[in-house]
Amino acid sequence: MNVTVEDSCIACGACESICEAVFTVSDKAEVNAANVEANADGVKEAAEACPVGAIVVE
């Protein structure tokens, strides 16, 4: 699974609150790729919750 965050990210923190093992938010959400596979359900939930659709899961 490949996860990226597009530049449209507004750093709202929703993804981090849902899946803090993978997402860290400062100016823009960042992905901890090492934790993606172990937290696949949380990643998908965070992507669905993103208010601007900035999280891309492939």
C-alpha atoms as a PDB file:
ATOM      1  CA  MET A   1       0.000   0.000   0.000  1.00  0.00           C
ATOM      2  CA  ASN A   2       1.333   3.399  -0.989  1.00  0.00           C
ATOM      3  CA  VAL A   3       0.111   6.492   0.902  1.00  0.00           C
ATOM      4  CA  THR A   4       0.808  10.076  -0.104  1.00  0.00           C
ATOM      5  CA  VAL A   5      -0.465  13.450   1.053  1.00  0.00           C
ATOM      6  CA  GLU A   6      -1.185  16.027  -1.618  1.00  0.00           C
ATOM      7  CA  ASP A   7      -0.384  19.729  -1.336  1.00  0.00           C
ATOM      8  CA  SER A   8      -4.095  20.437  -0.775  1.00  0.00           C
ATOM      9  CA  CYS A   9      -3.615  19.264   2.851  1.00  0.00           C
ATOM     10  CA  ILE A  10      -4.878  21.925   5.278  1.00  0.00           C
ATOM     11  CA  ALA A  11      -3.134  20.396   8.331  1.00  0.00           C
ATOM     12  CA  CYS A  12      -6.429  19.978  10.190  1.00  0.00           C
ATOM     13  CA  GLY A  13      -5.108  16.999  12.174  1.00  0.00           C
ATOM     14  CA  ALA A  14      -7.996  14.624  11.449  1.00  0.00           C
ATOM     15  CA  CYS A  15      -5.697  11.946  10.033  1.00  0.00           C
ATOM     16  CA  GLU A  16      -3.335  12.156  12.989  1.00  0.00           C
ATOM     17  CA  SER A  17      -6.190  11.848  15.477  1.00  0.00           C
ATOM     18  CA  ILE A  18      -7.456   8.736  13.664  1.00  0.00           C
ATOM     19  CA  CYS A  19      -4.109   7.048  12.969  1.00  0.00           C
ATOM     20  CA  GLU A  20      -1.226   8.663  14.831  1.00  0.00           C
ATOM     21  CA  ALA A  21       1.050   5.689  14.128  1.00  0.00           C
ATOM     22  CA  VAL A  22       1.133   6.717  10.461  1.00  0.00           C
ATOM     23  CA  PHE A  23       0.285  10.426  10.258  1.00  0.00           C
ATOM     24  CA  THR A  24       2.041  13.396  11.845  1.00  0.00           C
ATOM     25  CA  VAL A  25       0.794  16.918  11.176  1.00  0.00           C
ATOM     26  CA  SER A  26       2.844  20.086  11.282  1.00  0.00           C
ATOM     27  CA  ASP A  27       2.584  22.368   8.221  1.00  0.00           C
ATOM     28  CA  LYS A  28       1.265  19.420   6.236  1.00  0.00           C
ATOM     29  CA  ALA A  29       0.495  15.820   7.121  1.00  0.00           C
ATOM     30  CA  GLU A  30       3.475  13.501   6.822  1.00  0.00           C
ATOM     31  CA  VAL A  31       3.351   9.736   6.397  1.00  0.00           C
ATOM     32  CA  ASN A  32       5.451   7.288   8.409  1.00  0.00           C
ATOM     33  CA  ALA A  33       5.699   4.690   5.624  1.00  0.00           C
ATOM     34  CA  ALA A  34       7.148   2.029   7.940  1.00  0.00           C
ATOM     35  CA  ASN A  35       3.845   1.840   9.834  1.00  0.00           C
ATOM     36  CA  VAL A  36       1.420   1.881   6.899  1.00  0.00           C
ATOM     37  CA  GLU A  37       0.930  -1.872   6.374  1.00  0.00           C
ATOM     38  CA  ALA A  38       0.401  -2.615  10.078  1.00  0.00           C
ATOM     39  CA  ASN A  39      -2.219   0.149  10.282  1.00  0.00           C
ATOM     40  CA  ALA A  40      -3.996  -0.281   6.932  1.00  0.00           C
ATOM     41  CA  ASP A  41      -7.516   0.054   8.374  1.00  0.00           C
ATOM     42  CA  GLY A  42      -6.615   3.289  10.174  1.00  0.00           C
ATOM     43  CA  VAL A  43      -4.984   4.675   7.038  1.00  0.00           C
ATOM     44  CA  LYS A  44      -8.138   4.002   4.998  1.00  0.00           C
ATOM     45  CA  GLU A  45     -10.327   5.543   7.705  1.00  0.00           C
ATOM     46  CA  ALA A  46      -8.096   8.632   7.845  1.00  0.00           C
ATOM     47  CA  ALA A  47      -8.207   9.004   4.058  1.00  0.00           C
ATOM     48  CA  GLU A  48     -12.012   8.846   4.101  1.00  0.00           C
ATOM     49  CA  ALA A  49     -12.175  11.390   6.933  1.00  0.00           C
ATOM     50  CA  CYS A  50      -9.879  13.935   5.256  1.00  0.00           C
ATOM     51  CA  PRO A  51     -12.062  17.006   4.625  1.00  0.00           C
ATOM     52  CA  VAL A  52     -10.159  17.976   1.468  1.00  0.00           C
ATOM     53  CA  GLY A  53      -9.338  14.499   0.131  1.00  0.00           C
ATOM     54  CA  ALA A  54      -5.602  15.105   0.355  1.00  0.00           C
ATOM     55  CA  ILE A  55      -4.677  11.556   1.396  1.00  0.00           C
ATOM     56  CA  VAL A  56      -4.159   9.217  -1.542  1.00  0.00           C
ATOM     57  CA  VAL A  57      -4.086   5.467  -0.880  1.00  0.00           C
ATOM     58  CA  GLU A  58      -2.961   3.221  -3.720  1.00  0.00           C
END
